Amino acid sequence: MAPSIWQILIVLLIVLLLFGTKRLRNVGSDLGAAIKGFRTGMKDGKEEDKDPEQLGKDEAPGAEVHKREQDKQDAGR
């Protein structure tokens, strides 16, 4: 059995009385900031996934760094 609208309103009123409007407002803004940060992180992750495709088939994201390390090792010999 699903809760009726009156039961939900009573629970919300009790929560409002227990925590107050200021604390609930802070919780809401913190939750909104967390969701915004999550979406930004997901967007950045998708952009990072696109970068290897733009580099070309023969180069990986760390290929340039690996080439420099090999050059240093070859120069030391």
Foldseek 3Di string as FASTA:
>chain_A
DDDDPVVVVVVVVVVCVVQPDVRVVVVVVVVVVVVVVVVVVVVVVVVVVCVQVVVDDVDGPCRVVVVVVVVVVVVVD
